[in-house]
Amino acid sequence: WDNKLHVSITVRTLFTHTASFDECNIGTLVHAEEDIIPLAQYIEKRMSPQIRPSGKVISYSNNGYALLGLIVEEVSGLPFHEYVRKMILQPLEMNYSGYRRQAELKENYVTSYLQKDEQLIPYKPAFHHFYPASSFRSTASDMGHYISMFLNNGKFNGIQILDSSTVVTMHQTGFKHYEKAN
């Protein structure tokens, strides 16, 4: 990835959407889950250029979050969706959630529809190559487990999922364009 400005990109600037990547979503989704390409391949082919020095302006970036997912893969040695399942979803008993569809839950998935005149037209499912930034599916009950963990300083059913200091950090403002703004 050849980008002359990238020296100032950090995990923090990726999280706060201040890495200053241009955003282009053309060609980023497929209609069959098996057509999703690995994150490393996606980043190599489709990473947006950095258009200004990082840390100065918020510019929403799906590709920045895909890059964060790739960092997780590199550090953990697991595909991002498997890491999330193993380290977050399973301990939180979020059995109906994830970035990938689960064959055993096929009958639980819903179809979205577009109404055109009096006719309902089913949407084809969409799967994003930059899936760490999108494509997470869950149920209200499963999200209740996440909220419970979050409200209990990172603990769920007696298991510490997140360090309590991480939960505190998640409540802090990550970036402001103007310090005196709310």
Protein backbone atom coordinates (compact mmCIF):
# COMPACT_ATOMS: atom_id res chain seq x y z
CA TRP A 1 0.00 0.00 0.00
CA ASP A 2 1.80 3.08 -1.24
CA ASN A 3 0.63 6.23 0.52
CA LYS A 4 2.99 9.08 1.37
CA LEU A 5 0.83 10.46 4.21
CA HIS A 6 0.26 7.14 6.03
CA VAL A 7 3.03 7.63 8.62
CA SER A 8 0.60 9.50 10.88
CA ILE A 9 -2.14 6.83 10.84
CA THR A 10 -2.68 5.20 14.23
CA VAL A 11 -5.25 2.83 15.68
CA ARG A 12 -6.74 5.87 17.44
CA THR A 13 -7.11 7.84 14.18
CA LEU A 14 -8.72 4.79 12.56
CA PHE A 15 -11.18 4.42 15.47
CA THR A 16 -12.09 8.12 15.48
CA HIS A 17 -12.43 8.30 11.68
CA THR A 18 -9.67 10.92 11.55
CA ALA A 19 -7.16 8.97 9.42
CA SER A 20 -8.47 11.08 6.51
CA PHE A 21 -9.11 8.42 3.92
CA ASP A 22 -11.17 9.26 0.88
CA GLU A 23 -14.35 7.18 0.85
CA CYS A 24 -15.50 5.25 -2.21
CA ASN A 25 -18.06 2.47 -1.83
CA ILE A 26 -18.33 1.41 -5.46
CA GLY A 27 -17.72 -2.32 -5.88
CA THR A 28 -17.56 -3.01 -2.15
CA LEU A 29 -20.40 -5.50 -1.84
CA VAL A 30 -21.40 -8.87 -3.20
CA HIS A 31 -24.68 -10.78 -3.08
CA ALA A 32 -23.27 -14.14 -2.03
CA GLU A 33 -21.36 -14.54 1.23
CA GLU A 34 -18.87 -16.95 -0.34
CA ASP A 35 -17.80 -14.15 -2.71
CA ILE A 36 -16.39 -12.00 0.12
CA ILE A 37 -12.65 -11.69 -0.39
CA PRO A 38 -10.18 -11.81 2.53
CA LEU A 39 -9.54 -8.45 4.22
CA ALA A 40 -5.85 -8.38 3.24
CA GLN A 41 -6.78 -8.87 -0.41
CA TYR A 42 -9.51 -6.23 -0.19
CA ILE A 43 -7.19 -3.67 1.45
CA GLU A 44 -4.48 -4.35 -1.13
CA LYS A 45 -6.89 -3.83 -4.04
CA ARG A 46 -9.30 -1.20 -2.74
CA MET A 47 -7.77 0.87 0.08
CA SER A 48 -8.78 4.49 -0.30
CA PRO A 49 -6.02 7.09 -0.50
CA GLN A 50 -5.34 9.36 2.43
CA ILE A 51 -6.34 12.84 1.28
CA ARG A 52 -5.02 14.96 4.18
CA PRO A 53 -2.85 14.47 7.27
CA SER A 54 -4.59 12.38 9.91
CA GLY A 55 -5.92 13.58 13.23
CA LYS A 56 -7.37 16.87 11.96
CA VAL A 57 -10.84 16.19 10.50
CA ILE A 58 -13.49 13.50 10.92
CA SER A 59 -14.12 11.73 7.64
CA TYR A 60 -16.15 8.54 7.98
CA SER A 61 -14.20 5.58 6.63
CA ASN A 62 -15.45 2.05 6.07
CA ASN A 63 -11.98 1.20 4.77
CA GLY A 64 -10.40 2.51 7.96
CA TYR A 65 -12.51 0.02 9.93
CA ALA A 66 -11.60 -2.73 7.45
CA LEU A 67 -7.97 -1.85 8.17
CA LEU A 68 -8.66 -2.16 11.92
CA GLY A 69 -10.14 -5.60 11.21
CA LEU A 70 -6.99 -6.54 9.30
CA ILE A 71 -4.87 -5.45 12.28
CA VAL A 72 -6.95 -7.77 14.50
CA GLU A 73 -6.32 -10.59 12.00
CA GLU A 74 -2.57 -9.95 11.91
CA VAL A 75 -2.24 -9.79 15.71
CA SER A 76 -4.58 -12.69 16.55
CA GLY A 77 -3.82 -15.01 13.64
CA LEU A 78 -7.57 -15.50 13.12
CA PRO A 79 -9.94 -14.11 10.48
CA PHE A 80 -11.71 -11.10 12.00
CA HIS A 81 -15.17 -12.70 12.04
CA GLU A 82 -13.77 -15.77 13.85
CA TYR A 83 -11.90 -13.62 16.38
CA VAL A 84 -15.09 -11.70 17.19
CA ARG A 85 -17.04 -14.95 17.56
CA LYS A 86 -14.41 -16.57 19.81
CA MET A 87 -13.43 -13.59 21.97
CA ILE A 88 -16.64 -11.56 22.18
CA LEU A 89 -19.78 -13.31 20.99
CA GLN A 90 -19.25 -16.73 22.61
CA PRO A 91 -18.34 -15.35 26.07
CA LEU A 92 -21.36 -13.01 25.85
CA GLU A 93 -23.61 -15.91 24.79
CA MET A 94 -24.55 -13.93 21.69
CA ASN A 95 -25.43 -17.09 19.76
CA TYR A 96 -27.55 -15.38 17.11
CA SER A 97 -25.04 -12.70 16.16
CA GLY A 98 -22.04 -12.34 13.91
CA TYR A 99 -20.49 -11.10 10.70
CA ARG A 100 -21.18 -14.36 8.88
CA ARG A 101 -24.49 -16.14 8.46
CA GLN A 102 -24.85 -19.37 10.39
CA ALA A 103 -26.40 -22.23 8.42
CA GLU A 104 -28.25 -23.55 11.49
CA LEU A 105 -30.00 -20.17 11.86
CA LYS A 106 -31.07 -19.89 8.21
CA GLU A 107 -34.79 -20.04 9.04
CA ASN A 108 -34.36 -17.09 11.43
CA TYR A 109 -33.01 -14.65 8.85
CA VAL A 110 -35.45 -12.12 7.48
CA THR A 111 -35.77 -10.75 3.98
CA SER A 112 -35.94 -7.00 3.38
CA TYR A 113 -38.41 -5.72 0.81
CA LEU A 114 -38.85 -2.66 -1.35
CA GLN A 115 -42.42 -1.58 -2.00
CA LYS A 116 -43.01 -0.43 -5.56
CA ASP A 117 -46.62 0.57 -6.12
CA GLU A 118 -48.53 -2.36 -4.59
CA GLN A 119 -45.79 -4.91 -5.12
CA LEU A 120 -43.19 -6.04 -2.58
CA ILE A 121 -39.83 -6.80 -4.18
CA PRO A 122 -37.30 -8.75 -2.07
CA TYR A 123 -33.83 -7.27 -1.75
CA LYS A 124 -30.93 -9.54 -2.46
CA PRO A 125 -28.75 -9.97 0.64
CA ALA A 126 -25.68 -7.74 0.59
CA PHE A 127 -22.28 -8.67 2.00
CA HIS A 128 -19.55 -6.05 2.26
CA HIS A 129 -15.88 -6.74 1.61
CA PHE A 130 -15.12 -4.14 4.32
CA TYR A 131 -17.30 -6.15 6.71
CA PRO A 132 -15.67 -5.05 10.02
CA ALA A 133 -17.32 -1.68 9.28
CA SER A 134 -20.64 -3.24 8.34
CA SER A 135 -22.61 -6.44 8.03
CA PHE A 136 -22.89 -7.30 11.73
CA ARG A 137 -26.18 -9.07 12.36
CA SER A 138 -27.73 -9.56 15.77
CA THR A 139 -30.95 -9.92 17.72
CA ALA A 140 -32.38 -7.63 20.38
CA SER A 141 -31.83 -10.36 22.98
CA ASP A 142 -28.17 -10.81 22.03
CA MET A 143 -27.60 -7.05 22.06
CA GLY A 144 -29.08 -7.08 25.57
CA HIS A 145 -26.16 -9.30 26.60
CA TYR A 146 -23.70 -6.77 25.16
CA ILE A 147 -25.45 -3.87 26.90
CA SER A 148 -25.46 -5.82 30.17
CA MET A 149 -21.69 -6.36 29.88
CA PHE A 150 -21.16 -2.72 29.02
CA LEU A 151 -23.26 -1.46 31.95
CA ASN A 152 -21.46 -3.85 34.33
CA ASN A 153 -17.99 -2.45 33.67
CA GLY A 154 -17.07 -5.13 31.15
CA LYS A 155 -18.41 -8.14 33.09
CA PHE A 156 -21.07 -10.59 31.89
CA ASN A 157 -22.31 -13.54 33.97
CA GLY A 158 -19.26 -13.26 36.20
CA ILE A 159 -16.78 -13.22 33.29
CA GLN A 160 -14.65 -10.13 32.61
CA ILE A 161 -14.98 -9.57 28.84
CA LEU A 162 -13.56 -6.04 28.71
CA ASP A 163 -11.21 -4.44 31.20
CA SER A 164 -13.16 -1.83 33.19
CA SER A 165 -10.67 0.85 32.09
CA THR A 166 -11.57 0.03 28.47
CA VAL A 167 -15.24 0.64 29.26
CA VAL A 168 -14.32 4.02 30.80
CA THR A 169 -12.32 4.90 27.67
CA MET A 170 -15.30 3.96 25.49
CA HIS A 171 -17.33 6.65 27.30
CA GLN A 172 -14.80 9.37 26.54
CA THR A 173 -14.89 11.65 23.53
CA GLY A 174 -12.28 10.44 21.05
CA PHE A 175 -12.02 13.57 18.92
CA LYS A 176 -13.46 17.08 18.69
CA HIS A 177 -13.01 19.54 15.87
CA TYR A 178 -13.41 22.33 18.40
CA GLU A 179 -12.51 21.70 22.05
CA LYS A 180 -15.32 23.86 23.49
CA ALA A 181 -18.03 22.03 21.51
CA ASN A 182 -20.32 19.60 23.33
